[in-house]
C-alpha cells in the first residue's frame, strides 16, 4: 500500500508512514508505481515559504523492493546533500530536504525534512515540491534500475535453483524536472563515475538532462568526508569546466551554494 510521510508545521520531520489504502502498494509493478507516485504528489501539500530563496534538495539512496524484506539499493550516505542543506540554511535560504532511507538526519531544526524510500516516492514528492522552489540540487543517488515485478506482501523463499530478477529502468527524475522548469529556476545534478570517464559522463548528463550544472565527482567521494569535484556549467559559449580542489564536504557545500546564488543574481 502507498506509504507517505505527512508534514505537520510543528514537526519538521514527517511522521511514520501510515496505510492510505488496502489495495495499493508502492512496490507494485508498472501501473501501481505510477498511480502511487501520482497519488503521493497530490497528498504531500506544499507548505508556504516566507523566504523567496527556497532550496529543494534531494539526498541519500533509494530502496527498490524485490519482495517484502529485500531491496536493490546503493551505498549513498546522503552526507553531501545534508551538508548542502546546512550551507543553504546558513546563507539565509529556506530549505526542504527530501531524504532517502538510512541517510543521516540534519542537525539544524530549521531544515524541513521529508523522507522517501523508492524512486516512485521521490517522483511524487518532486511533483509537489519542485514548482515552488527557486533552486533544485539533485544529490540523491536514485536507482537506475528497479525490479520489474516485485513480490508484495511476501518473502521469496530460499531454494537450490538460481533466481533471475528482471530489472526495468527508473524514470529520469532530474530531466523530468528540467522539462517543467520555470525560467528563473536553477537546477544542479551530480555525476558519480570512475575517474577515467568522469568528464565525458558529466558532459553527457549536462546535455541530456537540460540542467544548469553538473557536479562531477569520482567514486572515491563515497564513504569520504572530503570531495574533489569538477563543476560543469552550461553557458552561451558551450560548457564551462571548473576543477575545485579537495576540500571537506561542508566547505564544498558552501562554495556550491554561493555559486548558485551568483547564477540567480545574473538572471535577475
C-alpha atoms as a PDB file:
ATOM      1  CA  UNK A   1       0.000   0.000   0.000  1.00  0.00           C
ATOM      2  CA  UNK A   2       1.147   3.553  -0.566  1.00  0.00           C
ATOM      3  CA  UNK A   3       3.232   4.923   2.229  1.00  0.00           C
ATOM      4  CA  UNK A   4       3.794   8.644   2.712  1.00  0.00           C
ATOM      5  CA  UNK A   5       5.254  10.767   5.433  1.00  0.00           C
ATOM      6  CA  UNK A   6       2.977  13.586   6.437  1.00  0.00           C
ATOM      7  CA  UNK A   7       4.346  17.021   7.257  1.00  0.00           C
ATOM      8  CA  UNK A   8       2.961  18.939  10.197  1.00  0.00           C
ATOM      9  CA  UNK A   9       4.113  22.506  10.927  1.00  0.00           C
ATOM     10  CA  UNK A  10       5.062  21.575  14.461  1.00  0.00           C
ATOM     11  CA  UNK A  11       7.195  18.661  13.309  1.00  0.00           C
ATOM     12  CA  UNK A  12       9.926  19.259  10.737  1.00  0.00           C
ATOM     13  CA  UNK A  13      10.259  15.512  10.119  1.00  0.00           C
ATOM     14  CA  UNK A  14       7.446  13.525   8.573  1.00  0.00           C
ATOM     15  CA  UNK A  15       5.704  11.150  10.951  1.00  0.00           C
ATOM     16  CA  UNK A  16       5.917   7.376  10.368  1.00  0.00           C
ATOM     17  CA  UNK A  17       4.157   6.150   7.218  1.00  0.00           C
ATOM     18  CA  UNK A  18       0.556   5.054   7.543  1.00  0.00           C
ATOM     19  CA  UNK A  19      -1.555   2.961   5.159  1.00  0.00           C
ATOM     20  CA  UNK A  20      -3.525   5.002   2.641  1.00  0.00           C
ATOM     21  CA  UNK A  21      -5.492   2.206   1.035  1.00  0.00           C
ATOM     22  CA  UNK A  22      -5.511  -1.553   1.395  1.00  0.00           C
ATOM     23  CA  UNK A  23      -5.376  -2.200  -2.340  1.00  0.00           C
ATOM     24  CA  UNK A  24      -2.327  -0.002  -3.138  1.00  0.00           C
ATOM     25  CA  UNK A  25       1.327  -0.900  -2.734  1.00  0.00           C
ATOM     26  CA  UNK A  26       4.159   1.451  -3.507  1.00  0.00           C
ATOM     27  CA  UNK A  27       6.240  -1.549  -4.600  1.00  0.00           C
ATOM     28  CA  UNK A  28       3.699  -2.874  -7.073  1.00  0.00           C
ATOM     29  CA  UNK A  29       4.657  -3.247 -10.725  1.00  0.00           C
ATOM     30  CA  UNK A  30       4.430  -0.664 -13.537  1.00  0.00           C
ATOM     31  CA  UNK A  31       0.991   0.938 -13.289  1.00  0.00           C
ATOM     32  CA  UNK A  32       0.894   0.596  -9.496  1.00  0.00           C
ATOM     33  CA  UNK A  33       4.092   2.614  -9.199  1.00  0.00           C
ATOM     34  CA  UNK A  34       2.750   5.353 -11.465  1.00  0.00           C
ATOM     35  CA  UNK A  35      -0.505   5.503  -9.503  1.00  0.00           C
ATOM     36  CA  UNK A  36       1.428   5.661  -6.248  1.00  0.00           C
ATOM     37  CA  UNK A  37       3.647   8.500  -7.451  1.00  0.00           C
ATOM     38  CA  UNK A  38       0.657  10.470  -8.693  1.00  0.00           C
ATOM     39  CA  UNK A  39      -1.316   9.960  -5.502  1.00  0.00           C
ATOM     40  CA  UNK A  40       1.684  10.885  -3.379  1.00  0.00           C
ATOM     41  CA  UNK A  41       2.183  14.144  -5.267  1.00  0.00           C
ATOM     42  CA  UNK A  42      -1.410  15.147  -4.527  1.00  0.00           C
ATOM     43  CA  UNK A  43      -1.241  14.206  -0.844  1.00  0.00           C
ATOM     44  CA  UNK A  44       2.031  15.936   0.099  1.00  0.00           C
ATOM     45  CA  UNK A  45       0.956  19.544   0.363  1.00  0.00           C
ATOM     46  CA  UNK A  46       3.392  22.368  -0.188  1.00  0.00           C
ATOM     47  CA  UNK A  47       3.984  24.494   2.882  1.00  0.00           C
ATOM     48  CA  UNK A  48       4.051  28.279   2.329  1.00  0.00           C
ATOM     49  CA  UNK A  49       7.568  29.686   2.479  1.00  0.00           C
ATOM     50  CA  UNK A  50       8.193  33.143   3.910  1.00  0.00           C
ATOM     51  CA  UNK A  51      11.540  33.308   2.088  1.00  0.00           C
ATOM     52  CA  UNK A  52      11.670  33.750  -1.692  1.00  0.00           C
ATOM     53  CA  UNK A  53      15.019  31.942  -1.667  1.00  0.00           C
ATOM     54  CA  UNK A  54      13.736  28.395  -1.328  1.00  0.00           C
ATOM     55  CA  UNK A  55      16.054  25.444  -1.963  1.00  0.00           C
ATOM     56  CA  UNK A  56      14.792  21.948  -2.694  1.00  0.00           C
ATOM     57  CA  UNK A  57      17.461  19.303  -2.260  1.00  0.00           C
ATOM     58  CA  UNK A  58      17.388  15.520  -2.535  1.00  0.00           C
ATOM     59  CA  UNK A  59      19.887  13.275  -0.750  1.00  0.00           C
ATOM     60  CA  UNK A  60      20.545   9.652   0.098  1.00  0.00           C
ATOM     61  CA  UNK A  61      19.759   6.389  -1.685  1.00  0.00           C
ATOM     62  CA  UNK A  62      16.551   4.825  -2.902  1.00  0.00           C
ATOM     63  CA  UNK A  63      15.460   1.302  -1.999  1.00  0.00           C
ATOM     64  CA  UNK A  64      13.682  -0.570  -4.791  1.00  0.00           C
ATOM     65  CA  UNK A  65      11.894  -3.615  -3.312  1.00  0.00           C
ATOM     66  CA  UNK A  66      12.428  -7.159  -4.544  1.00  0.00           C
ATOM     67  CA  UNK A  67       9.956  -8.577  -2.038  1.00  0.00           C
ATOM     68  CA  UNK A  68       8.620  -7.505   1.352  1.00  0.00           C
ATOM     69  CA  UNK A  69      12.067  -7.618   3.016  1.00  0.00           C
ATOM     70  CA  UNK A  70      14.702  -7.354   0.264  1.00  0.00           C
ATOM     71  CA  UNK A  71      15.551  -4.457  -1.988  1.00  0.00           C
ATOM     72  CA  UNK A  72      18.014  -3.069  -4.546  1.00  0.00           C
ATOM     73  CA  UNK A  73      19.907  -0.044  -3.251  1.00  0.00           C
ATOM     74  CA  UNK A  74      23.326   1.641  -3.169  1.00  0.00           C
ATOM     75  CA  UNK A  75      25.931   2.895  -0.697  1.00  0.00           C
ATOM     76  CA  UNK A  76      24.969   6.582  -0.673  1.00  0.00           C
ATOM     77  CA  UNK A  77      25.098   8.084   2.822  1.00  0.00           C
ATOM     78  CA  UNK A  78      23.351  11.351   1.919  1.00  0.00           C
ATOM     79  CA  UNK A  79      26.098  13.254   3.745  1.00  0.00           C
ATOM     80  CA  UNK A  80      26.926  15.672   0.924  1.00  0.00           C
ATOM     81  CA  UNK A  81      23.272  16.572   0.401  1.00  0.00           C
ATOM     82  CA  UNK A  82      22.812  17.227   4.101  1.00  0.00           C
ATOM     83  CA  UNK A  83      25.913  19.466   4.109  1.00  0.00           C
ATOM     84  CA  UNK A  84      24.454  21.459   1.204  1.00  0.00           C
ATOM     85  CA  UNK A  85      21.192  21.842   3.138  1.00  0.00           C
ATOM     86  CA  UNK A  86      23.125  23.193   6.139  1.00  0.00           C
ATOM     87  CA  UNK A  87      25.125  25.589   3.945  1.00  0.00           C
ATOM     88  CA  UNK A  88      21.969  26.929   2.305  1.00  0.00           C
ATOM     89  CA  UNK A  89      20.354  27.494   5.683  1.00  0.00           C
ATOM     90  CA  UNK A  90      23.428  29.408   6.892  1.00  0.00           C
ATOM     91  CA  UNK A  91      23.163  31.643   3.814  1.00  0.00           C
ATOM     92  CA  UNK A  92      19.565  32.516   4.621  1.00  0.00           C
ATOM     93  CA  UNK A  93      17.682  30.104   2.370  1.00  0.00           C
ATOM     94  CA  UNK A  94      14.583  28.222   3.417  1.00  0.00           C
ATOM     95  CA  UNK A  95      15.350  24.569   2.776  1.00  0.00           C
ATOM     96  CA  UNK A  96      13.287  21.464   2.073  1.00  0.00           C
ATOM     97  CA  UNK A  97      15.364  18.283   2.153  1.00  0.00           C
ATOM     98  CA  UNK A  98      13.965  15.121   0.563  1.00  0.00           C
ATOM     99  CA  UNK A  99      15.964  12.438   2.339  1.00  0.00           C
ATOM    100  CA  UNK A 100      16.366   8.768   1.487  1.00  0.00           C
ATOM    101  CA  UNK A 101      16.360   5.756   3.831  1.00  0.00           C
ATOM    102  CA  UNK A 102      19.236   5.410   6.258  1.00  0.00           C
ATOM    103  CA  UNK A 103      20.671   8.820   5.425  1.00  0.00           C
ATOM    104  CA  UNK A 104      21.911  10.986   8.284  1.00  0.00           C
ATOM    105  CA  UNK A 105      19.485  13.453   9.812  1.00  0.00           C
ATOM    106  CA  UNK A 106      20.481  17.148   9.600  1.00  0.00           C
ATOM    107  CA  UNK A 107      21.182  18.774  12.940  1.00  0.00           C
ATOM    108  CA  UNK A 108      19.632  22.114  12.007  1.00  0.00           C
ATOM    109  CA  UNK A 109      15.995  22.183  13.098  1.00  0.00           C
ATOM    110  CA  UNK A 110      15.156  24.929  10.572  1.00  0.00           C
ATOM    111  CA  UNK A 111      15.558  22.475   7.701  1.00  0.00           C
ATOM    112  CA  UNK A 112      12.292  20.846   6.663  1.00  0.00           C
ATOM    113  CA  UNK A 113      12.868  17.114   6.111  1.00  0.00           C
ATOM    114  CA  UNK A 114      10.631  14.733   4.152  1.00  0.00           C
ATOM    115  CA  UNK A 115      11.666  11.100   3.936  1.00  0.00           C
ATOM    116  CA  UNK A 116      11.298   8.893   0.859  1.00  0.00           C
ATOM    117  CA  UNK A 117      12.049   5.249   0.190  1.00  0.00           C
ATOM    118  CA  UNK A 118      11.668   4.468  -3.507  1.00  0.00           C
ATOM    119  CA  UNK A 119      12.155   6.376  -6.738  1.00  0.00           C
ATOM    120  CA  UNK A 120       8.356   6.428  -7.034  1.00  0.00           C
ATOM    121  CA  UNK A 121       8.163   8.129  -3.621  1.00  0.00           C
ATOM    122  CA  UNK A 122      10.688  10.715  -4.726  1.00  0.00           C
ATOM    123  CA  UNK A 123       8.921  11.283  -8.036  1.00  0.00           C
ATOM    124  CA  UNK A 124       5.705  12.157  -6.227  1.00  0.00           C
ATOM    125  CA  UNK A 125       7.483  14.469  -3.799  1.00  0.00           C
ATOM    126  CA  UNK A 126       9.248  16.299  -6.619  1.00  0.00           C
ATOM    127  CA  UNK A 127       5.924  16.793  -8.403  1.00  0.00           C
ATOM    128  CA  UNK A 128       4.609  18.524  -5.288  1.00  0.00           C
ATOM    129  CA  UNK A 129       7.702  20.450  -4.171  1.00  0.00           C
ATOM    130  CA  UNK A 130       9.594  21.431  -7.327  1.00  0.00           C
ATOM    131  CA  UNK A 131       7.133  24.073  -8.596  1.00  0.00           C
ATOM    132  CA  UNK A 132       7.678  26.269  -5.500  1.00  0.00           C
ATOM    133  CA  UNK A 133      11.481  26.179  -5.276  1.00  0.00           C
ATOM    134  CA  UNK A 134      13.977  28.649  -6.699  1.00  0.00           C
ATOM    135  CA  UNK A 135      16.756  26.060  -6.923  1.00  0.00           C
ATOM    136  CA  UNK A 136      16.869  22.262  -7.039  1.00  0.00           C
ATOM    137  CA  UNK A 137      20.004  20.352  -6.094  1.00  0.00           C
ATOM    138  CA  UNK A 138      19.530  16.703  -7.037  1.00  0.00           C
ATOM    139  CA  UNK A 139      22.134  14.989  -4.859  1.00  0.00           C
ATOM    140  CA  UNK A 140      20.123  11.803  -4.220  1.00  0.00           C
ATOM    141  CA  UNK A 141      21.530   8.556  -5.597  1.00  0.00           C
ATOM    142  CA  UNK A 142      18.375   7.446  -7.384  1.00  0.00           C
ATOM    143  CA  UNK A 143      18.413   3.875  -8.684  1.00  0.00           C
ATOM    144  CA  UNK A 144      18.966   3.493 -12.434  1.00  0.00           C
ATOM    145  CA  UNK A 145      17.026   0.211 -12.427  1.00  0.00           C
ATOM    146  CA  UNK A 146      14.428  -1.483 -10.203  1.00  0.00           C
ATOM    147  CA  UNK A 147      12.807  -4.923 -10.089  1.00  0.00           C
ATOM    148  CA  UNK A 148      10.088  -5.048 -12.740  1.00  0.00           C
ATOM    149  CA  UNK A 149       7.835  -7.487 -10.873  1.00  0.00           C
ATOM    150  CA  UNK A 150       8.453  -7.251  -7.119  1.00  0.00           C
ATOM    151  CA  UNK A 151       6.692  -9.646  -4.786  1.00  0.00           C
ATOM    152  CA  UNK A 152       4.452  -7.595  -2.464  1.00  0.00           C
ATOM    153  CA  UNK A 153       3.361  -8.947   0.888  1.00  0.00           C
ATOM    154  CA  UNK A 154       5.657 -11.976   0.767  1.00  0.00           C
ATOM    155  CA  UNK A 155       9.241 -13.134   1.082  1.00  0.00           C
ATOM    156  CA  UNK A 156      10.889 -15.113  -1.688  1.00  0.00           C
ATOM    157  CA  UNK A 157      11.835 -18.493  -0.203  1.00  0.00           C
ATOM    158  CA  UNK A 158      15.363 -19.850  -0.327  1.00  0.00           C
ATOM    159  CA  UNK A 159      15.876 -22.609  -2.902  1.00  0.00           C
ATOM    160  CA  UNK A 160      18.644 -24.517  -4.641  1.00  0.00           C
ATOM    161  CA  UNK A 161      17.822 -23.205  -8.129  1.00  0.00           C
ATOM    162  CA  UNK A 162      19.105 -19.900  -9.459  1.00  0.00           C
ATOM    163  CA  UNK A 163      16.841 -16.855  -9.263  1.00  0.00           C
ATOM    164  CA  UNK A 164      16.515 -14.317 -12.083  1.00  0.00           C
ATOM    165  CA  UNK A 165      15.216 -10.843 -11.290  1.00  0.00           C
ATOM    166  CA  UNK A 166      14.227  -8.721 -14.271  1.00  0.00           C
ATOM    167  CA  UNK A 167      15.034  -5.021 -13.890  1.00  0.00           C
ATOM    168  CA  UNK A 168      13.393  -2.068 -15.594  1.00  0.00           C
ATOM    169  CA  UNK A 169      14.769   1.470 -15.996  1.00  0.00           C
ATOM    170  CA  UNK A 170      13.745   4.106 -13.474  1.00  0.00           C
ATOM    171  CA  UNK A 171      12.424   7.378 -14.969  1.00  0.00           C
ATOM    172  CA  UNK A 172      14.966  10.209 -15.162  1.00  0.00           C
ATOM    173  CA  UNK A 173      13.589  12.436 -12.404  1.00  0.00           C
ATOM    174  CA  UNK A 174      16.024  15.318 -12.889  1.00  0.00           C
ATOM    175  CA  UNK A 175      15.376  15.518 -16.635  1.00  0.00           C
ATOM    176  CA  UNK A 176      11.649  15.442 -15.875  1.00  0.00           C
ATOM    177  CA  UNK A 177      12.006  18.437 -13.565  1.00  0.00           C
ATOM    178  CA  UNK A 178      14.124  20.259 -16.149  1.00  0.00           C
ATOM    179  CA  UNK A 179      11.353  19.788 -18.707  1.00  0.00           C
ATOM    180  CA  UNK A 180       8.886  21.521 -16.374  1.00  0.00           C
ATOM    181  CA  UNK A 181      11.132  24.290 -15.045  1.00  0.00           C
ATOM    182  CA  UNK A 182      10.370  27.981 -14.823  1.00  0.00           C
ATOM    183  CA  UNK A 183      12.812  30.456 -16.403  1.00  0.00           C
ATOM    184  CA  UNK A 184      14.171  31.624 -13.037  1.00  0.00           C
ATOM    185  CA  UNK A 185      14.767  28.149 -11.545  1.00  0.00           C
ATOM    186  CA  UNK A 186      18.311  26.776 -11.195  1.00  0.00           C
ATOM    187  CA  UNK A 187      18.879  23.015 -11.413  1.00  0.00           C
ATOM    188  CA  UNK A 188      22.058  21.194 -10.386  1.00  0.00           C
ATOM    189  CA  UNK A 189      22.730  17.480 -10.779  1.00  0.00           C
ATOM    190  CA  UNK A 190      25.556  15.127  -9.870  1.00  0.00           C
ATOM    191  CA  UNK A 191      27.662  12.566 -11.732  1.00  0.00           C
ATOM    192  CA  UNK A 192      29.482   9.841  -9.809  1.00  0.00           C
ATOM    193  CA  UNK A 193      31.786   7.829 -12.061  1.00  0.00           C
ATOM    194  CA  UNK A 194      35.264   6.292 -12.192  1.00  0.00           C
ATOM    195  CA  UNK A 195      37.875   8.948 -12.876  1.00  0.00           C
ATOM    196  CA  UNK A 196      38.724   7.745 -16.402  1.00  0.00           C
ATOM    197  CA  UNK A 197      35.252   8.528 -17.727  1.00  0.00           C
ATOM    198  CA  UNK A 198      34.077  11.171 -15.264  1.00  0.00           C
ATOM    199  CA  UNK A 199      34.370  14.227 -17.516  1.00  0.00           C
ATOM    200  CA  UNK A 200      32.729  12.534 -20.502  1.00  0.00           C
ATOM    201  CA  UNK A 201      29.826  11.239 -18.404  1.00  0.00           C
ATOM    202  CA  UNK A 202      29.244  14.606 -16.717  1.00  0.00           C
ATOM    203  CA  UNK A 203      29.174  16.472 -20.015  1.00  0.00           C
ATOM    204  CA  UNK A 204      26.723  13.940 -21.411  1.00  0.00           C
ATOM    205  CA  UNK A 205      24.472  14.363 -18.356  1.00  0.00           C
ATOM    206  CA  UNK A 206      24.581  18.149 -18.649  1.00  0.00           C
ATOM    207  CA  UNK A 207      23.435  17.923 -22.257  1.00  0.00           C
ATOM    208  CA  UNK A 208      20.800  15.185 -21.844  1.00  0.00           C
ATOM    209  CA  UNK A 209      19.173  16.454 -18.681  1.00  0.00           C
ATOM    210  CA  UNK A 210      18.962  20.126 -19.646  1.00  0.00           C
ATOM    211  CA  UNK A 211      20.163  21.437 -16.275  1.00  0.00           C
ATOM    212  CA  UNK A 212      22.357  24.405 -15.369  1.00  0.00           C
ATOM    213  CA  UNK A 213      25.237  22.457 -13.890  1.00  0.00           C
ATOM    214  CA  UNK A 214      26.574  19.010 -13.092  1.00  0.00           C
ATOM    215  CA  UNK A 215      28.916  18.301 -10.191  1.00  0.00           C
ATOM    216  CA  UNK A 216      31.302  15.589 -11.379  1.00  0.00           C
ATOM    217  CA  UNK A 217      32.885  13.689  -8.525  1.00  0.00           C
ATOM    218  CA  UNK A 218      34.870  10.420  -8.586  1.00  0.00           C
ATOM    219  CA  UNK A 219      33.777   7.198  -6.937  1.00  0.00           C
ATOM    220  CA  UNK A 220      36.256   7.837  -4.129  1.00  0.00           C
ATOM    221  CA  UNK A 221      33.881  10.521  -2.805  1.00  0.00           C
ATOM    222  CA  UNK A 222      31.701   7.764  -1.367  1.00  0.00           C
ATOM    223  CA  UNK A 223      32.442   6.945   2.277  1.00  0.00           C
ATOM    224  CA  UNK A 224      34.698  10.013   2.496  1.00  0.00           C
ATOM    225  CA  UNK A 225      34.369  13.266   4.400  1.00  0.00           C
ATOM    226  CA  UNK A 226      36.120  15.129   1.582  1.00  0.00           C
ATOM    227  CA  UNK A 227      35.374  15.808  -2.070  1.00  0.00           C
ATOM    228  CA  UNK A 228      37.434  16.819  -5.105  1.00  0.00           C
ATOM    229  CA  UNK A 229      34.951  17.772  -7.789  1.00  0.00           C
ATOM    230  CA  UNK A 230      34.652  19.398 -11.174  1.00  0.00           C
ATOM    231  CA  UNK A 231      31.743  21.765 -11.800  1.00  0.00           C
ATOM    232  CA  UNK A 232      30.449  21.735 -15.359  1.00  0.00           C
ATOM    233  CA  UNK A 233      28.002  24.503 -16.199  1.00  0.00           C
ATOM    234  CA  UNK A 234      26.117  25.456 -19.332  1.00  0.00           C
ATOM    235  CA  UNK A 235      26.877  28.833 -20.877  1.00  0.00           C
ATOM    236  CA  UNK A 236      26.275  30.650 -24.117  1.00  0.00           C
ATOM    237  CA  UNK A 237      29.735  29.630 -25.248  1.00  0.00           C
ATOM    238  CA  UNK A 238      29.235  25.937 -24.521  1.00  0.00           C
ATOM    239  CA  UNK A 239      30.320  24.056 -21.398  1.00  0.00           C
ATOM    240  CA  UNK A 240      32.418  25.710 -18.709  1.00  0.00           C
ATOM    241  CA  UNK A 241      34.527  23.373 -16.583  1.00  0.00           C
ATOM    242  CA  UNK A 242      35.990  24.293 -13.193  1.00  0.00           C
ATOM    243  CA  UNK A 243      38.073  21.957 -11.093  1.00  0.00           C
ATOM    244  CA  UNK A 244      37.568  22.556  -7.376  1.00  0.00           C
ATOM    245  CA  UNK A 245      40.421  21.314  -5.183  1.00  0.00           C
ATOM    246  CA  UNK A 246      39.906  18.729  -2.487  1.00  0.00           C
ATOM    247  CA  UNK A 247      38.012  20.094   0.500  1.00  0.00           C
ATOM    248  CA  UNK A 248      35.622  18.971   3.198  1.00  0.00           C
ATOM    249  CA  UNK A 249      32.082  18.339   2.054  1.00  0.00           C
ATOM    250  CA  UNK A 250      30.959  21.229   4.248  1.00  0.00           C
ATOM    251  CA  UNK A 251      33.347  23.660   2.524  1.00  0.00           C
ATOM    252  CA  UNK A 252      32.296  22.360  -0.870  1.00  0.00           C
ATOM    253  CA  UNK A 253      28.624  22.814   0.022  1.00  0.00           C
ATOM    254  CA  UNK A 254      29.121  26.486   0.933  1.00  0.00           C
ATOM    255  CA  UNK A 255      31.026  27.132  -2.292  1.00  0.00           C
ATOM    256  CA  UNK A 256      28.329  25.454  -4.383  1.00  0.00           C
ATOM    257  CA  UNK A 257      25.532  27.453  -2.742  1.00  0.00           C
ATOM    258  CA  UNK A 258      27.395  30.726  -3.330  1.00  0.00           C
ATOM    259  CA  UNK A 259      27.772  29.786  -6.981  1.00  0.00           C
ATOM    260  CA  UNK A 260      24.035  29.050  -7.216  1.00  0.00           C
ATOM    261  CA  UNK A 261      23.333  32.472  -5.688  1.00  0.00           C
ATOM    262  CA  UNK A 262      25.588  34.073  -8.312  1.00  0.00           C
ATOM    263  CA  UNK A 263      23.702  32.366 -11.141  1.00  0.00           C
ATOM    264  CA  UNK A 264      20.390  33.577  -9.723  1.00  0.00           C
ATOM    265  CA  UNK A 265      21.678  37.167  -9.396  1.00  0.00           C
ATOM    266  CA  UNK A 266      22.870  37.093 -13.021  1.00  0.00           C
ATOM    267  CA  UNK A 267      19.360  36.168 -14.176  1.00  0.00           C
ATOM    268  CA  UNK A 268      17.612  38.865 -12.150  1.00  0.00           C
END
